[in-house]
Amino acid sequence: MKYVCQICGYIYDEDKEAVPFEQLPDDWKCPLCGAMKSDFKAEAPAVEKAYVPTHTETADLKKLSAGQLAAVCSNLARGCEKQYKAEESKLFNELANYFTAITPAVNDATVEKVAKLLQEDIEDYPHIRDVADNGKDRGAARVCVWGEKVTRMLSSLVNRYLEEGEQMLADTDIWVCTVCGFVYIGQEPPELCPVCKVPPYKFEKIERGA
């Protein structure tokens, strides 16, 4: 049996490993991206899914909040940077900064609420990916793949924090990929981003209290 990390795609092959996956300790982590054991799923045969239209196809951009628009523009800026479109990246960053500035403060934010919102986002990604695939938009499909993996990693880290508390961050650092947003916990950034495959110099160290 093979088990696949839902974040970076690492495969734990029981036929090649000395320990069955179910017998691994509960605190075992993905050797590539550091995801929790619970982020692995048993590999299943590919099944062709019937296309089901969703509300995403007719979503009105005007209905997004300022915070959501800030995130959209920030992601578009990163995408343009990846495509070496510096001027477009700069313009999207200016829009992102504007929407960030007018986003109202959230006074009742909790880690539990963040965990719930991340899980809702994960559940929405298959529907969004269906729209991208149906429209044969390879760029949007790639964004969906990257976005889902990054969101799954954030969800994994938040759930770990709920279990371990501040001890999770003791004697370690937090790194964020400046291209796709992947978050990594470790003394040094990974040799390659598990999501977008950029080298370690593309990771930014997040200072505590930032």
N, C-alpha and C. Protein backbone atom coordinates (compact mmCIF):
# COMPACT_ATOMS: atom_id res chain seq x y z
N MET A 1 0.84 -1.19 0.00
CA MET A 1 0.00 0.00 0.00
C MET A 1 0.89 1.25 0.00
N LYS A 2 0.43 2.26 -0.74
CA LYS A 2 1.15 3.53 -0.77
C LYS A 2 0.30 4.62 -0.15
N TYR A 3 0.96 5.51 0.60
CA TYR A 3 0.28 6.64 1.22
C TYR A 3 0.91 7.93 0.70
N VAL A 4 0.07 8.86 0.30
CA VAL A 4 0.53 10.08 -0.37
C VAL A 4 0.30 11.30 0.50
N CYS A 5 1.34 12.13 0.65
CA CYS A 5 1.20 13.40 1.36
C CYS A 5 0.33 14.32 0.52
N GLN A 6 -0.74 14.83 1.12
CA GLN A 6 -1.67 15.68 0.39
C GLN A 6 -1.14 17.09 0.17
N ILE A 7 0.04 17.36 0.71
CA ILE A 7 0.62 18.70 0.57
C ILE A 7 1.73 18.73 -0.48
N CYS A 8 2.72 17.84 -0.35
CA CYS A 8 3.85 17.90 -1.28
C CYS A 8 3.90 16.73 -2.26
N GLY A 9 3.07 15.69 -2.03
CA GLY A 9 3.06 14.56 -2.94
C GLY A 9 4.02 13.45 -2.60
N TYR A 10 4.76 13.58 -1.50
CA TYR A 10 5.68 12.52 -1.09
C TYR A 10 4.91 11.21 -0.89
N ILE A 11 5.49 10.11 -1.38
CA ILE A 11 4.83 8.81 -1.30
C ILE A 11 5.55 7.91 -0.30
N TYR A 12 4.80 7.43 0.68
CA TYR A 12 5.34 6.44 1.62
C TYR A 12 4.89 5.07 1.10
N ASP A 13 5.85 4.33 0.57
CA ASP A 13 5.57 3.03 -0.04
C ASP A 13 5.89 1.92 0.97
N GLU A 14 4.85 1.27 1.46
CA GLU A 14 5.06 0.22 2.48
C GLU A 14 5.90 -0.93 1.95
N ASP A 15 5.87 -1.18 0.63
CA ASP A 15 6.65 -2.28 0.07
C ASP A 15 8.15 -1.98 0.15
N LYS A 16 8.50 -0.69 0.22
CA LYS A 16 9.91 -0.31 0.27
C LYS A 16 10.38 0.07 1.67
N GLU A 17 9.44 0.37 2.54
CA GLU A 17 9.78 0.79 3.90
C GLU A 17 9.72 -0.40 4.86
N ALA A 18 10.45 -0.28 5.95
CA ALA A 18 10.50 -1.38 6.91
C ALA A 18 9.31 -1.39 7.86
N VAL A 19 8.59 -0.26 7.95
CA VAL A 19 7.49 -0.13 8.90
C VAL A 19 6.19 0.18 8.17
N PRO A 20 5.12 -0.59 8.41
CA PRO A 20 3.82 -0.26 7.81
C PRO A 20 3.38 1.14 8.23
N PHE A 21 2.69 1.83 7.37
CA PHE A 21 2.32 3.21 7.65
C PHE A 21 1.52 3.34 8.94
N GLU A 22 0.58 2.44 9.18
CA GLU A 22 -0.27 2.53 10.36
C GLU A 22 0.53 2.37 11.66
N GLN A 23 1.72 1.76 11.56
CA GLN A 23 2.53 1.55 12.75
C GLN A 23 3.50 2.70 13.03
N LEU A 24 3.54 3.68 12.14
CA LEU A 24 4.38 4.84 12.39
C LEU A 24 3.84 5.61 13.59
N PRO A 25 4.69 6.23 14.40
CA PRO A 25 4.20 6.98 15.56
C PRO A 25 3.32 8.15 15.14
N ASP A 26 2.42 8.56 16.04
CA ASP A 26 1.48 9.63 15.72
C ASP A 26 2.17 10.95 15.42
N ASP A 27 3.37 11.16 15.97
CA ASP A 27 4.08 12.42 15.74
C ASP A 27 5.04 12.34 14.56
N TRP A 28 4.94 11.27 13.77
CA TRP A 28 5.77 11.16 12.55
C TRP A 28 5.40 12.27 11.58
N LYS A 29 6.40 12.82 10.90
CA LYS A 29 6.18 13.92 9.95
C LYS A 29 6.69 13.54 8.57
N CYS A 30 6.11 14.16 7.56
CA CYS A 30 6.57 13.96 6.18
C CYS A 30 8.03 14.38 6.09
N PRO A 31 8.92 13.52 5.58
CA PRO A 31 10.35 13.86 5.51
C PRO A 31 10.66 14.97 4.52
N LEU A 32 9.71 15.30 3.65
CA LEU A 32 9.96 16.33 2.64
C LEU A 32 9.45 17.69 3.07
N CYS A 33 8.18 17.76 3.54
CA CYS A 33 7.60 19.07 3.85
C CYS A 33 7.23 19.24 5.32
N GLY A 34 7.34 18.18 6.12
CA GLY A 34 7.04 18.30 7.54
C GLY A 34 5.57 18.17 7.90
N ALA A 35 4.74 17.76 6.95
CA ALA A 35 3.31 17.61 7.22
C ALA A 35 3.06 16.48 8.21
N MET A 36 1.92 16.54 8.91
CA MET A 36 1.58 15.54 9.90
C MET A 36 1.18 14.21 9.24
N LYS A 37 1.24 13.14 10.00
CA LYS A 37 0.85 11.83 9.51
C LYS A 37 -0.60 11.84 9.02
N SER A 38 -1.44 12.62 9.69
CA SER A 38 -2.86 12.69 9.31
C SER A 38 -3.07 13.36 7.96
N ASP A 39 -2.03 14.02 7.41
CA ASP A 39 -2.14 14.66 6.11
C ASP A 39 -1.86 13.68 4.97
N PHE A 40 -1.60 12.43 5.30
CA PHE A 40 -1.39 11.40 4.28
C PHE A 40 -2.69 10.65 4.01
N LYS A 41 -2.89 10.27 2.76
CA LYS A 41 -4.05 9.48 2.38
C LYS A 41 -3.59 8.26 1.59
N ALA A 42 -4.31 7.17 1.78
CA ALA A 42 -3.99 5.95 1.02
C ALA A 42 -4.21 6.23 -0.46
N GLU A 43 -3.26 5.80 -1.28
CA GLU A 43 -3.37 6.01 -2.72
C GLU A 43 -4.53 5.19 -3.27
N ALA A 44 -5.37 5.84 -4.05
CA ALA A 44 -6.54 5.18 -4.63
C ALA A 44 -6.45 5.25 -6.15
N PRO A 45 -7.03 4.27 -6.86
CA PRO A 45 -7.03 4.31 -8.32
C PRO A 45 -7.72 5.57 -8.81
N ALA A 46 -7.19 6.14 -9.89
CA ALA A 46 -7.79 7.35 -10.44
C ALA A 46 -9.17 7.06 -10.98
N VAL A 47 -10.12 7.89 -10.61
CA VAL A 47 -11.49 7.74 -11.09
C VAL A 47 -11.90 9.04 -11.78
N GLU A 48 -12.37 8.91 -13.00
CA GLU A 48 -12.78 10.09 -13.75
C GLU A 48 -14.05 10.67 -13.13
N LYS A 49 -14.00 11.96 -12.80
CA LYS A 49 -15.14 12.61 -12.17
C LYS A 49 -15.99 13.33 -13.20
N ALA A 50 -17.28 13.21 -13.04
CA ALA A 50 -18.18 13.94 -13.91
C ALA A 50 -18.16 15.41 -13.53
N TYR A 51 -18.19 16.27 -14.53
CA TYR A 51 -18.16 17.70 -14.26
C TYR A 51 -19.49 18.15 -13.67
N VAL A 52 -19.42 18.88 -12.57
CA VAL A 52 -20.61 19.41 -11.92
C VAL A 52 -20.45 20.92 -11.80
N PRO A 53 -21.27 21.71 -12.49
CA PRO A 53 -21.16 23.16 -12.40
C PRO A 53 -21.36 23.62 -10.96
N THR A 54 -20.65 24.66 -10.56
CA THR A 54 -20.78 25.20 -9.22
C THR A 54 -20.98 26.71 -9.30
N HIS A 55 -21.28 27.28 -8.13
CA HIS A 55 -21.49 28.72 -8.07
C HIS A 55 -20.22 29.48 -8.41
N THR A 56 -19.07 28.80 -8.34
CA THR A 56 -17.80 29.48 -8.60
C THR A 56 -17.75 30.02 -10.02
N GLU A 57 -18.41 29.34 -10.95
CA GLU A 57 -18.36 29.77 -12.35
C GLU A 57 -18.97 31.16 -12.54
N THR A 58 -19.93 31.50 -11.73
CA THR A 58 -20.63 32.77 -11.89
C THR A 58 -20.34 33.71 -10.73
N ALA A 59 -19.25 33.44 -9.99
CA ALA A 59 -18.92 34.28 -8.85
C ALA A 59 -18.68 35.71 -9.28
N ASP A 60 -19.19 36.66 -8.53
CA ASP A 60 -19.05 38.08 -8.83
C ASP A 60 -17.90 38.63 -8.01
N LEU A 61 -16.87 39.13 -8.70
CA LEU A 61 -15.69 39.64 -8.01
C LEU A 61 -16.04 40.75 -7.04
N LYS A 62 -17.10 41.50 -7.33
CA LYS A 62 -17.48 42.61 -6.47
C LYS A 62 -17.96 42.15 -5.10
N LYS A 63 -18.31 40.88 -4.96
CA LYS A 63 -18.81 40.37 -3.70
C LYS A 63 -17.69 40.01 -2.73
N LEU A 64 -16.45 40.03 -3.21
CA LEU A 64 -15.33 39.71 -2.35
C LEU A 64 -15.07 40.87 -1.38
N SER A 65 -14.62 40.51 -0.18
CA SER A 65 -14.28 41.53 0.81
C SER A 65 -12.95 42.18 0.45
N ALA A 66 -12.62 43.27 1.13
CA ALA A 66 -11.35 43.95 0.88
C ALA A 66 -10.18 43.01 1.19
N GLY A 67 -10.31 42.24 2.26
CA GLY A 67 -9.25 41.30 2.62
C GLY A 67 -9.06 40.22 1.57
N GLN A 68 -10.18 39.73 1.03
CA GLN A 68 -10.10 38.70 -0.02
C GLN A 68 -9.48 39.28 -1.28
N LEU A 69 -9.86 40.51 -1.63
CA LEU A 69 -9.28 41.15 -2.80
C LEU A 69 -7.77 41.39 -2.61
N ALA A 70 -7.38 41.71 -1.38
CA ALA A 70 -5.95 41.89 -1.09
C ALA A 70 -5.21 40.58 -1.35
N ALA A 71 -5.79 39.47 -0.91
CA ALA A 71 -5.15 38.17 -1.10
C ALA A 71 -5.09 37.81 -2.58
N VAL A 72 -6.18 38.07 -3.31
CA VAL A 72 -6.21 37.77 -4.75
C VAL A 72 -5.12 38.56 -5.48
N CYS A 73 -5.04 39.86 -5.19
CA CYS A 73 -4.05 40.70 -5.87
C CYS A 73 -2.63 40.32 -5.49
N SER A 74 -2.43 39.94 -4.23
CA SER A 74 -1.11 39.51 -3.80
C SER A 74 -0.68 38.24 -4.53
N ASN A 75 -1.62 37.30 -4.67
CA ASN A 75 -1.32 36.06 -5.39
C ASN A 75 -1.05 36.32 -6.87
N LEU A 76 -1.81 37.24 -7.45
CA LEU A 76 -1.58 37.59 -8.86
C LEU A 76 -0.21 38.24 -9.03
N ALA A 77 0.19 39.04 -8.04
CA ALA A 77 1.52 39.66 -8.09
C ALA A 77 2.61 38.60 -8.07
N ARG A 78 2.42 37.59 -7.21
CA ARG A 78 3.40 36.50 -7.15
C ARG A 78 3.45 35.73 -8.46
N GLY A 79 2.27 35.52 -9.06
CA GLY A 79 2.21 34.82 -10.34
C GLY A 79 2.93 35.58 -11.43
N CYS A 80 2.74 36.90 -11.44
CA CYS A 80 3.43 37.73 -12.44
C CYS A 80 4.94 37.71 -12.23
N GLU A 81 5.34 37.73 -10.95
CA GLU A 81 6.77 37.66 -10.64
C GLU A 81 7.36 36.36 -11.16
N LYS A 82 6.61 35.27 -10.99
CA LYS A 82 7.07 33.96 -11.46
C LYS A 82 7.24 33.96 -12.97
N GLN A 83 6.42 34.76 -13.67
CA GLN A 83 6.48 34.84 -15.13
C GLN A 83 7.38 35.98 -15.61
N TYR A 84 8.15 36.57 -14.68
CA TYR A 84 9.08 37.66 -14.99
C TYR A 84 8.38 38.89 -15.58
N LYS A 85 7.17 39.14 -15.08
CA LYS A 85 6.43 40.33 -15.50
C LYS A 85 6.47 41.33 -14.35
N ALA A 86 7.59 42.05 -14.27
CA ALA A 86 7.85 42.92 -13.13
C ALA A 86 6.85 44.06 -13.01
N GLU A 87 6.50 44.70 -14.11
CA GLU A 87 5.59 45.84 -14.06
C GLU A 87 4.20 45.41 -13.60
N GLU A 88 3.71 44.28 -14.15
CA GLU A 88 2.40 43.79 -13.74
C GLU A 88 2.42 43.38 -12.26
N SER A 89 3.53 42.76 -11.83
CA SER A 89 3.65 42.36 -10.43
C SER A 89 3.60 43.58 -9.51
N LYS A 90 4.28 44.64 -9.90
CA LYS A 90 4.28 45.87 -9.11
C LYS A 90 2.88 46.45 -8.98
N LEU A 91 2.12 46.47 -10.08
CA LEU A 91 0.76 47.02 -10.06
C LEU A 91 -0.16 46.19 -9.18
N PHE A 92 -0.06 44.88 -9.26
CA PHE A 92 -0.90 44.03 -8.42
C PHE A 92 -0.53 44.19 -6.94
N ASN A 93 0.77 44.39 -6.66
CA ASN A 93 1.18 44.62 -5.28
C ASN A 93 0.63 45.93 -4.74
N GLU A 94 0.56 46.95 -5.60
CA GLU A 94 -0.02 48.23 -5.19
C GLU A 94 -1.50 48.06 -4.85
N LEU A 95 -2.21 47.27 -5.66
CA LEU A 95 -3.62 46.99 -5.37
C LEU A 95 -3.76 46.21 -4.06
N ALA A 96 -2.88 45.22 -3.88
CA ALA A 96 -2.93 44.41 -2.66
C ALA A 96 -2.70 45.28 -1.43
N ASN A 97 -1.74 46.21 -1.51
CA ASN A 97 -1.46 47.10 -0.39
C ASN A 97 -2.65 48.01 -0.10
N TYR A 98 -3.32 48.47 -1.17
CA TYR A 98 -4.49 49.33 -0.98
C TYR A 98 -5.61 48.58 -0.26
N PHE A 99 -5.94 47.39 -0.75
CA PHE A 99 -7.03 46.62 -0.13
C PHE A 99 -6.66 46.20 1.30
N THR A 100 -5.37 45.92 1.54
CA THR A 100 -4.93 45.57 2.89
C THR A 100 -5.15 46.75 3.84
N ALA A 101 -4.86 47.95 3.35
CA ALA A 101 -5.00 49.15 4.19
C ALA A 101 -6.44 49.44 4.59
N ILE A 102 -7.40 49.05 3.73
CA ILE A 102 -8.80 49.35 4.05
C ILE A 102 -9.54 48.14 4.63
N THR A 103 -8.81 47.06 4.87
CA THR A 103 -9.43 45.88 5.47
C THR A 103 -9.66 46.13 6.96
N PRO A 104 -10.88 46.00 7.44
CA PRO A 104 -11.15 46.25 8.87
C PRO A 104 -10.48 45.21 9.75
N ALA A 105 -10.11 45.64 10.94
CA ALA A 105 -9.48 44.73 11.89
C ALA A 105 -10.46 43.66 12.35
N VAL A 106 -9.92 42.45 12.60
CA VAL A 106 -10.73 41.35 13.11
C VAL A 106 -10.45 41.23 14.61
N ASN A 107 -11.46 41.55 15.41
CA ASN A 107 -11.26 41.60 16.85
C ASN A 107 -11.54 40.29 17.57
N ASP A 108 -12.22 39.37 16.90
CA ASP A 108 -12.58 38.11 17.55
C ASP A 108 -11.89 36.91 16.93
N ALA A 109 -10.71 37.14 16.35
CA ALA A 109 -9.98 36.04 15.70
C ALA A 109 -9.42 35.07 16.74
N THR A 110 -9.55 33.79 16.48
CA THR A 110 -8.98 32.75 17.33
C THR A 110 -8.33 31.70 16.43
N VAL A 111 -7.44 30.91 17.00
CA VAL A 111 -6.79 29.85 16.23
C VAL A 111 -7.83 28.84 15.76
N GLU A 112 -8.83 28.59 16.59
CA GLU A 112 -9.88 27.64 16.23
C GLU A 112 -10.66 28.11 15.01
N LYS A 113 -10.94 29.42 14.96
CA LYS A 113 -11.66 29.96 13.80
C LYS A 113 -10.81 29.88 12.53
N VAL A 114 -9.51 30.14 12.69
CA VAL A 114 -8.61 30.02 11.54
C VAL A 114 -8.60 28.60 11.02
N ALA A 115 -8.54 27.62 11.93
CA ALA A 115 -8.55 26.21 11.54
C ALA A 115 -9.82 25.87 10.78
N LYS A 116 -10.95 26.39 11.24
CA LYS A 116 -12.24 26.13 10.59
C LYS A 116 -12.28 26.74 9.19
N LEU A 117 -11.80 27.97 9.04
CA LEU A 117 -11.81 28.64 7.74
C LEU A 117 -10.88 27.95 6.74
N LEU A 118 -9.73 27.49 7.22
CA LEU A 118 -8.80 26.77 6.35
C LEU A 118 -9.42 25.48 5.84
N GLN A 119 -10.13 24.77 6.72
CA GLN A 119 -10.79 23.53 6.31
C GLN A 119 -11.87 23.80 5.28
N GLU A 120 -12.60 24.90 5.44
CA GLU A 120 -13.63 25.27 4.46
C GLU A 120 -12.99 25.56 3.10
N ASP A 121 -11.84 26.24 3.12
CA ASP A 121 -11.13 26.52 1.86
C ASP A 121 -10.69 25.23 1.18
N ILE A 122 -10.18 24.29 1.96
CA ILE A 122 -9.73 23.01 1.40
C ILE A 122 -10.90 22.30 0.71
N GLU A 123 -12.06 22.33 1.34
CA GLU A 123 -13.24 21.66 0.78
C GLU A 123 -13.73 22.34 -0.49
N ASP A 124 -13.43 23.63 -0.67
CA ASP A 124 -13.87 24.36 -1.85
C ASP A 124 -12.96 24.13 -3.06
N TYR A 125 -11.70 23.75 -2.83
CA TYR A 125 -10.74 23.67 -3.93
C TYR A 125 -11.15 22.69 -5.04
N PRO A 126 -11.72 21.51 -4.75
CA PRO A 126 -12.10 20.62 -5.85
C PRO A 126 -13.10 21.27 -6.81
N HIS A 127 -14.03 22.05 -6.29
CA HIS A 127 -15.01 22.71 -7.15
C HIS A 127 -14.35 23.77 -8.02
N ILE A 128 -13.42 24.52 -7.42
CA ILE A 128 -12.71 25.54 -8.19
C ILE A 128 -11.85 24.89 -9.26
N ARG A 129 -11.21 23.78 -8.92
CA ARG A 129 -10.36 23.07 -9.89
C ARG A 129 -11.21 22.54 -11.05
N ASP A 130 -12.44 22.09 -10.77
CA ASP A 130 -13.32 21.63 -11.83
C ASP A 130 -13.58 22.73 -12.85
N VAL A 131 -13.77 23.95 -12.36
CA VAL A 131 -14.02 25.08 -13.26
C VAL A 131 -12.80 25.34 -14.13
N ALA A 132 -11.61 25.33 -13.53
CA ALA A 132 -10.38 25.57 -14.27
C ALA A 132 -10.15 24.49 -15.33
N ASP A 133 -10.36 23.22 -14.94
CA ASP A 133 -10.17 22.12 -15.88
C ASP A 133 -11.19 22.16 -17.01
N ASN A 134 -12.44 22.47 -16.65
CA ASN A 134 -13.48 22.53 -17.67
C ASN A 134 -13.22 23.65 -18.68
N GLY A 135 -12.63 24.75 -18.20
CA GLY A 135 -12.30 25.85 -19.08
C GLY A 135 -10.97 25.69 -19.78
N LYS A 136 -10.29 24.55 -19.51
CA LYS A 136 -8.99 24.25 -20.11
C LYS A 136 -7.98 25.38 -19.85
N ASP A 137 -8.06 25.96 -18.65
CA ASP A 137 -7.16 27.03 -18.24
C ASP A 137 -6.04 26.43 -17.40
N ARG A 138 -4.91 26.15 -18.05
CA ARG A 138 -3.81 25.48 -17.36
C ARG A 138 -3.21 26.37 -16.27
N GLY A 139 -3.18 27.67 -16.51
CA GLY A 139 -2.64 28.58 -15.51
C GLY A 139 -3.48 28.57 -14.24
N ALA A 140 -4.80 28.64 -14.41
CA ALA A 140 -5.69 28.61 -13.26
C ALA A 140 -5.61 27.27 -12.55
N ALA A 141 -5.47 26.19 -13.32
CA ALA A 141 -5.36 24.86 -12.71
C ALA A 141 -4.11 24.77 -11.85
N ARG A 142 -2.99 25.34 -12.33
CA ARG A 142 -1.76 25.33 -11.54
C ARG A 142 -1.93 26.13 -10.26
N VAL A 143 -2.59 27.29 -10.37
CA VAL A 143 -2.86 28.09 -9.18
C VAL A 143 -3.67 27.29 -8.16
N CYS A 144 -4.65 26.53 -8.67
CA CYS A 144 -5.47 25.70 -7.78
C CYS A 144 -4.62 24.65 -7.07
N VAL A 145 -3.72 24.02 -7.82
CA VAL A 145 -2.86 22.99 -7.24
C VAL A 145 -1.97 23.59 -6.16
N TRP A 146 -1.31 24.70 -6.49
CA TRP A 146 -0.44 25.35 -5.51
C TRP A 146 -1.24 25.83 -4.32
N GLY A 147 -2.37 26.49 -4.59
CA GLY A 147 -3.18 27.05 -3.52
C GLY A 147 -3.67 25.98 -2.56
N GLU A 148 -4.12 24.85 -3.09
CA GLU A 148 -4.63 23.79 -2.23
C GLU A 148 -3.51 23.22 -1.36
N LYS A 149 -2.33 23.02 -1.94
CA LYS A 149 -1.23 22.45 -1.17
C LYS A 149 -0.79 23.39 -0.06
N VAL A 150 -0.69 24.68 -0.38
CA VAL A 150 -0.30 25.67 0.63
C VAL A 150 -1.35 25.74 1.74
N THR A 151 -2.62 25.71 1.35
CA THR A 151 -3.70 25.77 2.34
C THR A 151 -3.70 24.54 3.23
N ARG A 152 -3.45 23.37 2.63
CA ARG A 152 -3.37 22.14 3.43
C ARG A 152 -2.21 22.21 4.43
N MET A 153 -1.08 22.79 4.00
CA MET A 153 0.06 22.90 4.92
C MET A 153 -0.28 23.85 6.05
N LEU A 154 -0.92 24.98 5.75
CA LEU A 154 -1.32 25.92 6.80
C LEU A 154 -2.28 25.25 7.77
N SER A 155 -3.22 24.48 7.23
CA SER A 155 -4.17 23.77 8.08
C SER A 155 -3.45 22.77 8.98
N SER A 156 -2.48 22.06 8.41
CA SER A 156 -1.71 21.09 9.19
C SER A 156 -0.96 21.78 10.33
N LEU A 157 -0.34 22.92 10.03
CA LEU A 157 0.43 23.64 11.05
C LEU A 157 -0.47 24.20 12.14
N VAL A 158 -1.62 24.72 11.74
CA VAL A 158 -2.56 25.27 12.73
C VAL A 158 -3.08 24.16 13.64
N ASN A 159 -3.38 23.00 13.07
CA ASN A 159 -3.85 21.88 13.88
C ASN A 159 -2.76 21.38 14.82
N ARG A 160 -1.53 21.40 14.34
CA ARG A 160 -0.40 21.04 15.21
C ARG A 160 -0.28 22.03 16.36
N TYR A 161 -0.46 23.29 16.06
CA TYR A 161 -0.37 24.32 17.09
C TYR A 161 -1.46 24.14 18.15
N LEU A 162 -2.66 23.76 17.70
CA LEU A 162 -3.74 23.51 18.65
C LEU A 162 -3.40 22.36 19.59
N GLU A 163 -2.64 21.40 19.08
CA GLU A 163 -2.26 20.24 19.90
C GLU A 163 -1.03 20.52 20.77
N GLU A 164 -0.04 21.21 20.21
CA GLU A 164 1.25 21.35 20.88
C GLU A 164 1.47 22.71 21.54
N GLY A 165 0.73 23.74 21.09
CA GLY A 165 0.92 25.07 21.63
C GLY A 165 2.26 25.67 21.24
N GLU A 166 2.77 26.60 22.05
CA GLU A 166 4.01 27.31 21.75
C GLU A 166 5.22 26.38 21.66
N GLN A 167 5.12 25.20 22.27
CA GLN A 167 6.22 24.25 22.21
C GLN A 167 6.56 23.87 20.78
N MET A 168 5.56 23.92 19.91
CA MET A 168 5.76 23.59 18.50
C MET A 168 6.80 24.50 17.85
N LEU A 169 6.90 25.74 18.32
CA LEU A 169 7.79 26.72 17.70
C LEU A 169 9.08 26.92 18.48
N ALA A 170 9.31 26.11 19.52
CA ALA A 170 10.51 26.25 20.33
C ALA A 170 11.75 25.81 19.55
N ASP A 171 12.78 26.61 19.62
CA ASP A 171 14.09 26.27 19.02
C ASP A 171 14.00 25.97 17.54
N THR A 172 13.16 26.68 16.85
CA THR A 172 13.04 26.50 15.40
C THR A 172 12.68 27.83 14.76
N ASP A 173 12.61 27.86 13.44
CA ASP A 173 12.28 29.08 12.72
C ASP A 173 11.12 28.83 11.77
N ILE A 174 10.53 29.92 11.29
CA ILE A 174 9.42 29.85 10.36
C ILE A 174 9.86 30.47 9.04
N TRP A 175 9.67 29.73 7.96
CA TRP A 175 10.08 30.19 6.62
C TRP A 175 8.88 30.19 5.69
N VAL A 176 8.79 31.22 4.86
CA VAL A 176 7.68 31.32 3.91
C VAL A 176 8.25 31.47 2.50
N CYS A 177 7.77 30.64 1.59
CA CYS A 177 8.18 30.74 0.19
C CYS A 177 7.58 32.02 -0.40
N THR A 178 8.43 32.88 -0.94
CA THR A 178 7.95 34.15 -1.48
C THR A 178 7.27 33.99 -2.84
N VAL A 179 7.32 32.79 -3.40
CA VAL A 179 6.68 32.56 -4.70
C VAL A 179 5.27 32.01 -4.53
N CYS A 180 5.11 30.93 -3.74
CA CYS A 180 3.80 30.29 -3.62
C CYS A 180 3.16 30.43 -2.25
N GLY A 181 3.93 30.88 -1.24
CA GLY A 181 3.37 31.06 0.10
C GLY A 181 3.49 29.85 1.01
N PHE A 182 4.16 28.80 0.57
CA PHE A 182 4.32 27.61 1.41
C PHE A 182 5.04 27.96 2.70
N VAL A 183 4.55 27.44 3.83
CA VAL A 183 5.14 27.71 5.13
C VAL A 183 5.89 26.47 5.62
N TYR A 184 7.14 26.68 6.06
CA TYR A 184 7.97 25.58 6.51
C TYR A 184 8.51 25.88 7.90
N ILE A 185 8.47 24.89 8.79
CA ILE A 185 9.00 25.03 10.14
C ILE A 185 10.30 24.24 10.24
N GLY A 186 11.41 24.92 10.52
CA GLY A 186 12.69 24.24 10.62
C GLY A 186 13.82 25.22 10.85
N GLN A 187 15.00 24.70 11.16
CA GLN A 187 16.15 25.56 11.39
C GLN A 187 16.60 26.26 10.11
N GLU A 188 16.44 25.59 8.99
CA GLU A 188 16.82 26.14 7.68
C GLU A 188 15.67 25.88 6.71
N PRO A 189 15.56 26.68 5.65
CA PRO A 189 14.53 26.42 4.65
C PRO A 189 14.82 25.13 3.90
N PRO A 190 13.82 24.51 3.29
CA PRO A 190 14.07 23.27 2.54
C PRO A 190 14.93 23.52 1.31
N GLU A 191 15.58 22.47 0.82
CA GLU A 191 16.43 22.60 -0.36
C GLU A 191 15.64 23.02 -1.59
N LEU A 192 14.41 22.56 -1.67
CA LEU A 192 13.48 22.97 -2.72
C LEU A 192 12.11 23.16 -2.09
N CYS A 193 11.37 24.15 -2.53
CA CYS A 193 10.01 24.31 -2.03
C CYS A 193 9.21 23.08 -2.45
N PRO A 194 8.56 22.39 -1.51
CA PRO A 194 7.79 21.19 -1.86
C PRO A 194 6.63 21.46 -2.80
N VAL A 195 6.21 22.72 -2.92
CA VAL A 195 5.06 23.05 -3.77
C VAL A 195 5.50 23.56 -5.15
N CYS A 196 6.28 24.65 -5.18
CA CYS A 196 6.61 25.26 -6.48
C CYS A 196 8.04 25.00 -6.94
N LYS A 197 8.84 24.29 -6.12
CA LYS A 197 10.17 23.80 -6.49
C LYS A 197 11.23 24.89 -6.64
N VAL A 198 11.02 26.07 -6.06
CA VAL A 198 12.07 27.09 -6.12
C VAL A 198 13.14 26.78 -5.08
N PRO A 199 14.37 27.32 -5.25
CA PRO A 199 15.48 27.05 -4.32
C PRO A 199 15.28 27.78 -2.99
N PRO A 200 16.12 27.44 -1.98
CA PRO A 200 15.93 27.99 -0.63
C PRO A 200 16.05 29.50 -0.52
N TYR A 201 16.81 30.16 -1.43
CA TYR A 201 16.95 31.61 -1.30
C TYR A 201 15.64 32.35 -1.57
N LYS A 202 14.64 31.64 -2.09
CA LYS A 202 13.33 32.24 -2.31
C LYS A 202 12.47 32.23 -1.04
N PHE A 203 13.00 31.61 0.03
CA PHE A 203 12.26 31.58 1.30
C PHE A 203 12.65 32.78 2.16
N GLU A 204 11.66 33.32 2.83
CA GLU A 204 11.88 34.46 3.73
C GLU A 204 11.67 34.02 5.18
N LYS A 205 12.61 34.35 6.02
CA LYS A 205 12.50 34.00 7.44
C LYS A 205 11.56 34.99 8.13
N ILE A 206 10.58 34.46 8.86
CA ILE A 206 9.63 35.30 9.58
C ILE A 206 10.13 35.52 11.00
N GLU A 207 10.38 36.76 11.33
CA GLU A 207 10.87 37.08 12.67
C GLU A 207 9.73 37.00 13.66
N ARG A 208 9.98 36.54 14.85
CA ARG A 208 8.97 36.42 15.88
C ARG A 208 8.43 37.80 16.24
N GLY A 209 7.10 37.85 16.37
CA GLY A 209 6.46 39.11 16.68
C GLY A 209 6.11 39.92 15.46
N ALA A 210 6.49 39.41 14.25
CA ALA A 210 6.20 40.14 13.01
C ALA A 210 4.76 39.94 12.63
